[in-house]
Amino acid sequence: MKVITNIFRSSLGKKYIMAVSGLVMFLFVIGHLAGNLQFFLGAESINRYGHFLQTNLEVLWPARIILLLALFLHVWAAIKLSAENKAARPVPYANWNPTVASYASRTMLMSGLIVFAFIIYHLLHYTLVIKQVNLTGQDFAGFMDPEKRHDIFKMMVVGFSNPWVSLFYVVGIALLCLHLSHGVSAMFQSLGWKNKVYGPWLDYGARLLAWLIFIGYVSIPISVLVFHYGKEAVK
């Protein structure tokens, strides 16, 4: 118990908590993207995938609990570390040069909190399917395909057919990827897996990966808006 207490009390321990919780959520972001991209394979593919997740509660709920715990710990550690850094340096640097640090690294706390708000909306929108937040007036919970499965394909088409919702998602994903572009590299630093030899490659790889994740996620709402993908589904 003393070891656990020391981890939560020390700055180094909080950095480890941020790194490990960030790794858990990063792996989820990759897995979630792989699942979402089945949208382009058609309704049968993504509805079958969604049905598998929804009917295997022994997998679904432990995964949700782990993700929620990781999210809580990540936000808690970020706020605590930010407060400790400000308390340790109440007077700002006399010759502070913001160009030394990247924009992503300087805005980690701000982008993280905005992404946190975006995640809450996403859960209300597509996981809890709260009618009042989808801005379409339709009940997503009632969408069923011919196999009597939740019609996730139709839900995504209808949901992203609203330009304001799609725009919000694009902005939210952009901030998430901005956060990841520095966070992934910082994770390796906190875990002691980064040095001067391959550190620059990790930084480059993190930025490249963030761009690929951004393109993957926003391709869905953009395709719905631009190409009216699955136009018949919105009727």
C-alpha atoms as a PDB file:
ATOM      1  CA  MET A   1       0.000   0.000   0.000  1.00  0.00           C
ATOM      2  CA  LYS A   2       2.897   2.358   0.796  1.00  0.00           C
ATOM      3  CA  VAL A   3       4.310   1.887  -2.704  1.00  0.00           C
ATOM      4  CA  ILE A   4       0.937   2.743  -4.270  1.00  0.00           C
ATOM      5  CA  THR A   5       0.579   5.777  -1.997  1.00  0.00           C
ATOM      6  CA  ASN A   6       4.041   7.008  -2.994  1.00  0.00           C
ATOM      7  CA  ILE A   7       3.204   6.613  -6.675  1.00  0.00           C
ATOM      8  CA  PHE A   8       0.112   8.798  -6.327  1.00  0.00           C
ATOM      9  CA  ARG A   9       1.900  11.393  -4.184  1.00  0.00           C
ATOM     10  CA  SER A  10       5.166  11.840  -6.087  1.00  0.00           C
ATOM     11  CA  SER A  11       5.575  13.818  -9.297  1.00  0.00           C
ATOM     12  CA  LEU A  12       7.451  10.928 -10.908  1.00  0.00           C
ATOM     13  CA  GLY A  13       4.637   8.563  -9.949  1.00  0.00           C
ATOM     14  CA  LYS A  14       2.043  10.863 -11.490  1.00  0.00           C
ATOM     15  CA  LYS A  15       4.086  10.948 -14.707  1.00  0.00           C
ATOM     16  CA  TYR A  16       4.061   7.153 -14.772  1.00  0.00           C
ATOM     17  CA  ILE A  17       0.296   7.186 -14.195  1.00  0.00           C
ATOM     18  CA  MET A  18      -0.128   9.627 -17.090  1.00  0.00           C
ATOM     19  CA  ALA A  19       2.063   7.518 -19.350  1.00  0.00           C
ATOM     20  CA  VAL A  20       0.420   4.158 -18.599  1.00  0.00           C
ATOM     21  CA  SER A  21      -3.133   5.520 -18.702  1.00  0.00           C
ATOM     22  CA  GLY A  22      -2.265   7.360 -21.912  1.00  0.00           C
ATOM     23  CA  LEU A  23      -0.956   4.126 -23.438  1.00  0.00           C
ATOM     24  CA  VAL A  24      -4.214   2.325 -22.579  1.00  0.00           C
ATOM     25  CA  MET A  25      -6.295   5.044 -24.229  1.00  0.00           C
ATOM     26  CA  PHE A  26      -3.958   5.266 -27.223  1.00  0.00           C
ATOM     27  CA  LEU A  27      -4.386   1.544 -27.897  1.00  0.00           C
ATOM     28  CA  PHE A  28      -8.147   2.032 -27.647  1.00  0.00           C
ATOM     29  CA  VAL A  29      -8.010   4.902 -30.161  1.00  0.00           C
ATOM     30  CA  ILE A  30      -6.251   2.597 -32.640  1.00  0.00           C
ATOM     31  CA  GLY A  31      -8.656  -0.296 -32.036  1.00  0.00           C
ATOM     32  CA  HIS A  32     -11.707   1.948 -32.184  1.00  0.00           C
ATOM     33  CA  LEU A  33     -10.511   3.389 -35.492  1.00  0.00           C
ATOM     34  CA  ALA A  34     -10.054  -0.101 -36.941  1.00  0.00           C
ATOM     35  CA  GLY A  35     -13.634  -0.915 -35.959  1.00  0.00           C
ATOM     36  CA  ASN A  36     -15.072   2.344 -37.261  1.00  0.00           C
ATOM     37  CA  LEU A  37     -13.405   1.989 -40.654  1.00  0.00           C
ATOM     38  CA  GLN A  38     -15.601  -1.052 -41.282  1.00  0.00           C
ATOM     39  CA  PHE A  39     -18.175   1.608 -42.138  1.00  0.00           C
ATOM     40  CA  PHE A  40     -16.650   1.629 -45.634  1.00  0.00           C
ATOM     41  CA  LEU A  41     -17.279  -2.112 -45.965  1.00  0.00           C
ATOM     42  CA  GLY A  42     -21.017  -1.497 -45.687  1.00  0.00           C
ATOM     43  CA  ALA A  43     -23.846  -1.958 -43.221  1.00  0.00           C
ATOM     44  CA  GLU A  44     -23.472  -5.724 -42.823  1.00  0.00           C
ATOM     45  CA  SER A  45     -19.854  -5.506 -41.740  1.00  0.00           C
ATOM     46  CA  ILE A  46     -20.090  -2.728 -39.176  1.00  0.00           C
ATOM     47  CA  ASN A  47     -23.466  -3.892 -37.830  1.00  0.00           C
ATOM     48  CA  ARG A  48     -22.057  -7.383 -37.292  1.00  0.00           C
ATOM     49  CA  TYR A  49     -19.033  -5.889 -35.541  1.00  0.00           C
ATOM     50  CA  GLY A  50     -21.228  -3.724 -33.306  1.00  0.00           C
ATOM     51  CA  HIS A  51     -23.514  -6.647 -32.498  1.00  0.00           C
ATOM     52  CA  PHE A  52     -20.519  -8.741 -31.450  1.00  0.00           C
ATOM     53  CA  LEU A  53     -19.393  -6.055 -29.009  1.00  0.00           C
ATOM     54  CA  GLN A  54     -22.856  -5.410 -27.610  1.00  0.00           C
ATOM     55  CA  THR A  55     -23.638  -9.084 -27.010  1.00  0.00           C
ATOM     56  CA  ASN A  56     -20.335  -9.993 -25.324  1.00  0.00           C
ATOM     57  CA  LEU A  57     -20.848  -8.137 -22.058  1.00  0.00           C
ATOM     58  CA  GLU A  58     -18.104 -10.083 -20.291  1.00  0.00           C
ATOM     59  CA  VAL A  59     -15.658  -8.360 -22.662  1.00  0.00           C
ATOM     60  CA  LEU A  60     -17.455  -5.061 -23.155  1.00  0.00           C
ATOM     61  CA  TRP A  61     -17.917  -3.993 -19.538  1.00  0.00           C
ATOM     62  CA  PRO A  62     -14.392  -4.789 -18.264  1.00  0.00           C
ATOM     63  CA  ALA A  63     -13.026  -2.858 -21.258  1.00  0.00           C
ATOM     64  CA  ARG A  64     -15.308   0.106 -20.486  1.00  0.00           C
ATOM     65  CA  ILE A  65     -14.325   0.118 -16.816  1.00  0.00           C
ATOM     66  CA  ILE A  66     -10.603   0.002 -17.652  1.00  0.00           C
ATOM     67  CA  LEU A  67     -10.992   2.837 -20.179  1.00  0.00           C
ATOM     68  CA  LEU A  68     -13.000   5.030 -17.803  1.00  0.00           C
ATOM     69  CA  LEU A  69     -10.460   4.420 -15.039  1.00  0.00           C
ATOM     70  CA  ALA A  70      -7.591   5.253 -17.412  1.00  0.00           C
ATOM     71  CA  LEU A  71      -9.370   8.426 -18.529  1.00  0.00           C
ATOM     72  CA  PHE A  72     -10.003   9.537 -14.942  1.00  0.00           C
ATOM     73  CA  LEU A  73      -6.406   8.844 -13.869  1.00  0.00           C
ATOM     74  CA  HIS A  74      -5.011  10.610 -16.939  1.00  0.00           C
ATOM     75  CA  VAL A  75      -7.040  13.773 -16.345  1.00  0.00           C
ATOM     76  CA  TRP A  76      -6.336  13.690 -12.596  1.00  0.00           C
ATOM     77  CA  ALA A  77      -2.574  13.295 -13.085  1.00  0.00           C
ATOM     78  CA  ALA A  78      -2.478  16.036 -15.738  1.00  0.00           C
ATOM     79  CA  ILE A  79      -4.254  18.548 -13.500  1.00  0.00           C
ATOM     80  CA  LYS A  80      -2.126  17.631 -10.469  1.00  0.00           C
ATOM     81  CA  LEU A  81       1.158  17.897 -12.377  1.00  0.00           C
ATOM     82  CA  SER A  82       0.144  21.210 -13.921  1.00  0.00           C
ATOM     83  CA  ALA A  83      -0.701  22.610 -10.477  1.00  0.00           C
ATOM     84  CA  GLU A  84       2.590  21.338  -9.030  1.00  0.00           C
ATOM     85  CA  ASN A  85       4.582  22.877 -11.876  1.00  0.00           C
ATOM     86  CA  LYS A  86       2.934  26.261 -11.352  1.00  0.00           C
ATOM     87  CA  ALA A  87       3.474  26.069  -7.584  1.00  0.00           C
ATOM     88  CA  ALA A  88       7.140  25.201  -8.076  1.00  0.00           C
ATOM     89  CA  ARG A  89       7.651  28.147 -10.434  1.00  0.00           C
ATOM     90  CA  PRO A  90       5.304  30.974  -9.371  1.00  0.00           C
ATOM     91  CA  VAL A  91       7.442  33.531 -11.230  1.00  0.00           C
ATOM     92  CA  PRO A  92       7.661  32.918 -14.993  1.00  0.00           C
ATOM     93  CA  TYR A  93      10.940  32.757 -16.864  1.00  0.00           C
ATOM     94  CA  ALA A  94      12.405  36.200 -17.605  1.00  0.00           C
ATOM     95  CA  ASN A  95      13.454  35.170 -21.115  1.00  0.00           C
ATOM     96  CA  TRP A  96      10.901  32.488 -21.905  1.00  0.00           C
ATOM     97  CA  ASN A  97      10.920  31.525 -25.581  1.00  0.00           C
ATOM     98  CA  PRO A  98       7.731  29.651 -26.620  1.00  0.00           C
ATOM     99  CA  THR A  99       9.304  28.531 -29.914  1.00  0.00           C
ATOM    100  CA  VAL A 100      11.559  26.111 -28.027  1.00  0.00           C
ATOM    101  CA  ALA A 101       8.575  23.899 -27.211  1.00  0.00           C
ATOM    102  CA  SER A 102       6.042  22.795 -29.815  1.00  0.00           C
ATOM    103  CA  TYR A 103       2.517  24.188 -29.810  1.00  0.00           C
ATOM    104  CA  ALA A 104       1.181  20.721 -28.982  1.00  0.00           C
ATOM    105  CA  SER A 105       3.385  20.443 -25.887  1.00  0.00           C
ATOM    106  CA  ARG A 106       2.452  23.957 -24.676  1.00  0.00           C
ATOM    107  CA  THR A 107      -1.269  23.257 -24.952  1.00  0.00           C
ATOM    108  CA  MET A 108      -1.435  19.690 -23.607  1.00  0.00           C
ATOM    109  CA  LEU A 109      -3.654  20.517 -20.630  1.00  0.00           C
ATOM    110  CA  MET A 110      -6.018  22.728 -22.636  1.00  0.00           C
ATOM    111  CA  SER A 111      -6.358  20.300 -25.558  1.00  0.00           C
ATOM    112  CA  GLY A 112      -6.720  17.406 -23.116  1.00  0.00           C
ATOM    113  CA  LEU A 113      -9.642  19.004 -21.279  1.00  0.00           C
ATOM    114  CA  ILE A 114     -11.383  19.901 -24.551  1.00  0.00           C
ATOM    115  CA  VAL A 115     -10.891  16.337 -25.792  1.00  0.00           C
ATOM    116  CA  PHE A 116     -12.369  15.128 -22.491  1.00  0.00           C
ATOM    117  CA  ALA A 117     -15.510  17.183 -23.217  1.00  0.00           C
ATOM    118  CA  PHE A 118     -15.567  15.800 -26.776  1.00  0.00           C
ATOM    119  CA  ILE A 119     -15.398  12.222 -25.455  1.00  0.00           C
ATOM    120  CA  ILE A 120     -18.369  12.871 -23.171  1.00  0.00           C
ATOM    121  CA  TYR A 121     -20.404  14.156 -26.129  1.00  0.00           C
ATOM    122  CA  HIS A 122     -19.351  11.180 -28.240  1.00  0.00           C
ATOM    123  CA  LEU A 123     -20.518   8.769 -25.521  1.00  0.00           C
ATOM    124  CA  LEU A 124     -23.864  10.553 -25.236  1.00  0.00           C
ATOM    125  CA  HIS A 125     -24.218  10.672 -29.020  1.00  0.00           C
ATOM    126  CA  TYR A 126     -23.295   7.179 -30.227  1.00  0.00           C
ATOM    127  CA  THR A 127     -22.926   4.969 -27.123  1.00  0.00           C
ATOM    128  CA  LEU A 128     -25.807   6.037 -24.890  1.00  0.00           C
ATOM    129  CA  VAL A 129     -27.695   7.315 -27.975  1.00  0.00           C
ATOM    130  CA  ILE A 130     -29.327  10.237 -26.164  1.00  0.00           C
ATOM    131  CA  LYS A 131     -31.826  11.655 -28.645  1.00  0.00           C
ATOM    132  CA  GLN A 132     -31.501  15.238 -27.407  1.00  0.00           C
ATOM    133  CA  VAL A 133     -27.817  15.538 -28.388  1.00  0.00           C
ATOM    134  CA  ASN A 134     -27.850  14.099 -31.933  1.00  0.00           C
ATOM    135  CA  LEU A 135     -29.481  17.240 -33.448  1.00  0.00           C
ATOM    136  CA  THR A 136     -31.517  15.186 -35.927  1.00  0.00           C
ATOM    137  CA  GLY A 137     -34.729  14.603 -33.981  1.00  0.00           C
ATOM    138  CA  GLN A 138     -34.458  10.856 -34.627  1.00  0.00           C
ATOM    139  CA  ASP A 139     -34.107   8.092 -32.059  1.00  0.00           C
ATOM    140  CA  PHE A 140     -30.889   6.224 -32.845  1.00  0.00           C
ATOM    141  CA  ALA A 141     -31.747   3.508 -30.310  1.00  0.00           C
ATOM    142  CA  GLY A 142     -34.650   2.446 -32.531  1.00  0.00           C
ATOM    143  CA  PHE A 143     -32.553   1.882 -35.664  1.00  0.00           C
ATOM    144  CA  MET A 144     -32.600  -1.840 -36.500  1.00  0.00           C
ATOM    145  CA  ASP A 145     -31.299  -3.656 -39.581  1.00  0.00           C
ATOM    146  CA  PRO A 146     -33.066  -6.619 -41.290  1.00  0.00           C
ATOM    147  CA  GLU A 147     -31.215  -9.011 -38.945  1.00  0.00           C
ATOM    148  CA  LYS A 148     -32.752  -7.228 -35.910  1.00  0.00           C
ATOM    149  CA  ARG A 149     -29.351  -5.841 -34.902  1.00  0.00           C
ATOM    150  CA  HIS A 150     -28.710  -2.241 -33.956  1.00  0.00           C
ATOM    151  CA  ASP A 151     -28.197  -0.466 -37.281  1.00  0.00           C
ATOM    152  CA  ILE A 152     -24.921   1.284 -36.551  1.00  0.00           C
ATOM    153  CA  PHE A 153     -24.381   2.065 -40.222  1.00  0.00           C
ATOM    154  CA  LYS A 154     -27.627   4.020 -40.447  1.00  0.00           C
ATOM    155  CA  MET A 155     -26.919   5.707 -37.106  1.00  0.00           C
ATOM    156  CA  MET A 156     -23.557   6.968 -38.359  1.00  0.00           C
ATOM    157  CA  VAL A 157     -24.975   8.164 -41.675  1.00  0.00           C
ATOM    158  CA  VAL A 158     -27.865  10.012 -40.024  1.00  0.00           C
ATOM    159  CA  GLY A 159     -25.652  11.374 -37.266  1.00  0.00           C
ATOM    160  CA  PHE A 160     -22.968  12.738 -39.580  1.00  0.00           C
ATOM    161  CA  SER A 161     -25.498  14.075 -42.087  1.00  0.00           C
ATOM    162  CA  ASN A 162     -25.788  17.079 -39.781  1.00  0.00           C
ATOM    163  CA  PRO A 163     -22.939  19.427 -40.866  1.00  0.00           C
ATOM    164  CA  TRP A 164     -22.586  20.941 -37.377  1.00  0.00           C
ATOM    165  CA  VAL A 165     -22.150  17.527 -35.788  1.00  0.00           C
ATOM    166  CA  SER A 166     -19.588  16.517 -38.419  1.00  0.00           C
ATOM    167  CA  LEU A 167     -17.708  19.797 -37.966  1.00  0.00           C
ATOM    168  CA  PHE A 168     -17.626  19.281 -34.199  1.00  0.00           C
ATOM    169  CA  TYR A 169     -16.246  15.774 -34.709  1.00  0.00           C
ATOM    170  CA  VAL A 170     -13.545  16.989 -37.084  1.00  0.00           C
ATOM    171  CA  VAL A 171     -12.473  19.675 -34.598  1.00  0.00           C
ATOM    172  CA  GLY A 172     -12.592  17.203 -31.716  1.00  0.00           C
ATOM    173  CA  ILE A 173     -10.499  14.632 -33.576  1.00  0.00           C
ATOM    174  CA  ALA A 174      -8.054  17.365 -34.633  1.00  0.00           C
ATOM    175  CA  LEU A 175      -7.504  18.332 -30.994  1.00  0.00           C
ATOM    176  CA  LEU A 176      -7.202  14.668 -30.006  1.00  0.00           C
ATOM    177  CA  CYS A 177      -4.507  14.138 -32.624  1.00  0.00           C
ATOM    178  CA  LEU A 178      -2.740  17.353 -31.636  1.00  0.00           C
ATOM    179  CA  HIS A 179      -2.685  15.951 -28.107  1.00  0.00           C
ATOM    180  CA  LEU A 180      -1.388  12.590 -29.361  1.00  0.00           C
ATOM    181  CA  SER A 181       1.315  14.164 -31.530  1.00  0.00           C
ATOM    182  CA  HIS A 182       3.148  15.189 -28.366  1.00  0.00           C
ATOM    183  CA  GLY A 183       1.594  12.785 -25.855  1.00  0.00           C
ATOM    184  CA  VAL A 184       2.860   9.601 -27.536  1.00  0.00           C
ATOM    185  CA  SER A 185       6.416  10.930 -27.567  1.00  0.00           C
ATOM    186  CA  ALA A 186       6.094  12.181 -23.976  1.00  0.00           C
ATOM    187  CA  MET A 187       4.832   8.750 -22.928  1.00  0.00           C
ATOM    188  CA  PHE A 188       8.107   7.151 -24.045  1.00  0.00           C
ATOM    189  CA  GLN A 189      10.008   9.895 -22.218  1.00  0.00           C
ATOM    190  CA  SER A 190       8.110   9.304 -18.951  1.00  0.00           C
ATOM    191  CA  LEU A 191       8.663   5.545 -19.127  1.00  0.00           C
ATOM    192  CA  GLY A 192      12.382   6.013 -19.760  1.00  0.00           C
ATOM    193  CA  TRP A 193      12.237   4.549 -23.274  1.00  0.00           C
ATOM    194  CA  LYS A 194      13.534   7.631 -25.085  1.00  0.00           C
ATOM    195  CA  ASN A 195      17.089   8.827 -25.627  1.00  0.00           C
ATOM    196  CA  LYS A 196      19.002  11.269 -27.830  1.00  0.00           C
ATOM    197  CA  VAL A 197      19.705   8.643 -30.481  1.00  0.00           C
ATOM    198  CA  TYR A 198      16.188   7.637 -31.497  1.00  0.00           C
ATOM    199  CA  GLY A 199      14.258  10.363 -29.635  1.00  0.00           C
ATOM    200  CA  PRO A 200      13.850  12.517 -32.785  1.00  0.00           C
ATOM    201  CA  TRP A 201      12.513   9.490 -34.670  1.00  0.00           C
ATOM    202  CA  LEU A 202       9.947   8.916 -31.931  1.00  0.00           C
ATOM    203  CA  ASP A 203       8.875  12.551 -32.204  1.00  0.00           C
ATOM    204  CA  TYR A 204       8.535  12.256 -35.973  1.00  0.00           C
ATOM    205  CA  GLY A 205       6.708   8.936 -35.691  1.00  0.00           C
ATOM    206  CA  ALA A 206       4.269  10.356 -33.140  1.00  0.00           C
ATOM    207  CA  ARG A 207       3.387  13.259 -35.439  1.00  0.00           C
ATOM    208  CA  LEU A 208       3.003  10.962 -38.455  1.00  0.00           C
ATOM    209  CA  LEU A 209       0.824   8.546 -36.506  1.00  0.00           C
ATOM    210  CA  ALA A 210      -1.335  11.428 -35.261  1.00  0.00           C
ATOM    211  CA  TRP A 211      -1.907  12.543 -38.864  1.00  0.00           C
ATOM    212  CA  LEU A 212      -2.862   9.015 -39.949  1.00  0.00           C
ATOM    213  CA  ILE A 213      -5.315   8.690 -37.061  1.00  0.00           C
ATOM    214  CA  PHE A 214      -6.826  12.073 -37.920  1.00  0.00           C
ATOM    215  CA  ILE A 215      -7.297  11.128 -41.579  1.00  0.00           C
ATOM    216  CA  GLY A 216      -8.822   7.787 -40.632  1.00  0.00           C
ATOM    217  CA  TYR A 217     -11.387   9.178 -38.211  1.00  0.00           C
ATOM    218  CA  VAL A 218     -12.481  12.239 -40.192  1.00  0.00           C
ATOM    219  CA  SER A 219     -12.811  10.242 -43.417  1.00  0.00           C
ATOM    220  CA  ILE A 220     -16.164   8.930 -42.161  1.00  0.00           C
ATOM    221  CA  PRO A 221     -18.042  12.199 -41.451  1.00  0.00           C
ATOM    222  CA  ILE A 222     -16.490  13.833 -44.508  1.00  0.00           C
ATOM    223  CA  SER A 223     -17.562  10.949 -46.758  1.00  0.00           C
ATOM    224  CA  VAL A 224     -21.111  11.183 -45.403  1.00  0.00           C
ATOM    225  CA  LEU A 225     -21.295  14.912 -46.106  1.00  0.00           C
ATOM    226  CA  VAL A 226     -19.460  15.036 -49.435  1.00  0.00           C
ATOM    227  CA  PHE A 227     -20.593  11.814 -51.079  1.00  0.00           C
ATOM    228  CA  HIS A 228     -23.915  11.362 -49.241  1.00  0.00           C
ATOM    229  CA  TYR A 229     -22.726   7.860 -48.398  1.00  0.00           C
ATOM    230  CA  GLY A 230     -25.668   5.541 -47.840  1.00  0.00           C
ATOM    231  CA  LYS A 231     -28.159   8.242 -48.827  1.00  0.00           C
ATOM    232  CA  GLU A 232     -31.113   5.864 -48.584  1.00  0.00           C
ATOM    233  CA  ALA A 233     -30.324   5.199 -44.908  1.00  0.00           C
ATOM    234  CA  VAL A 234     -31.322   8.683 -43.797  1.00  0.00           C
ATOM    235  CA  LYS A 235     -34.883   8.325 -45.058  1.00  0.00           C
END
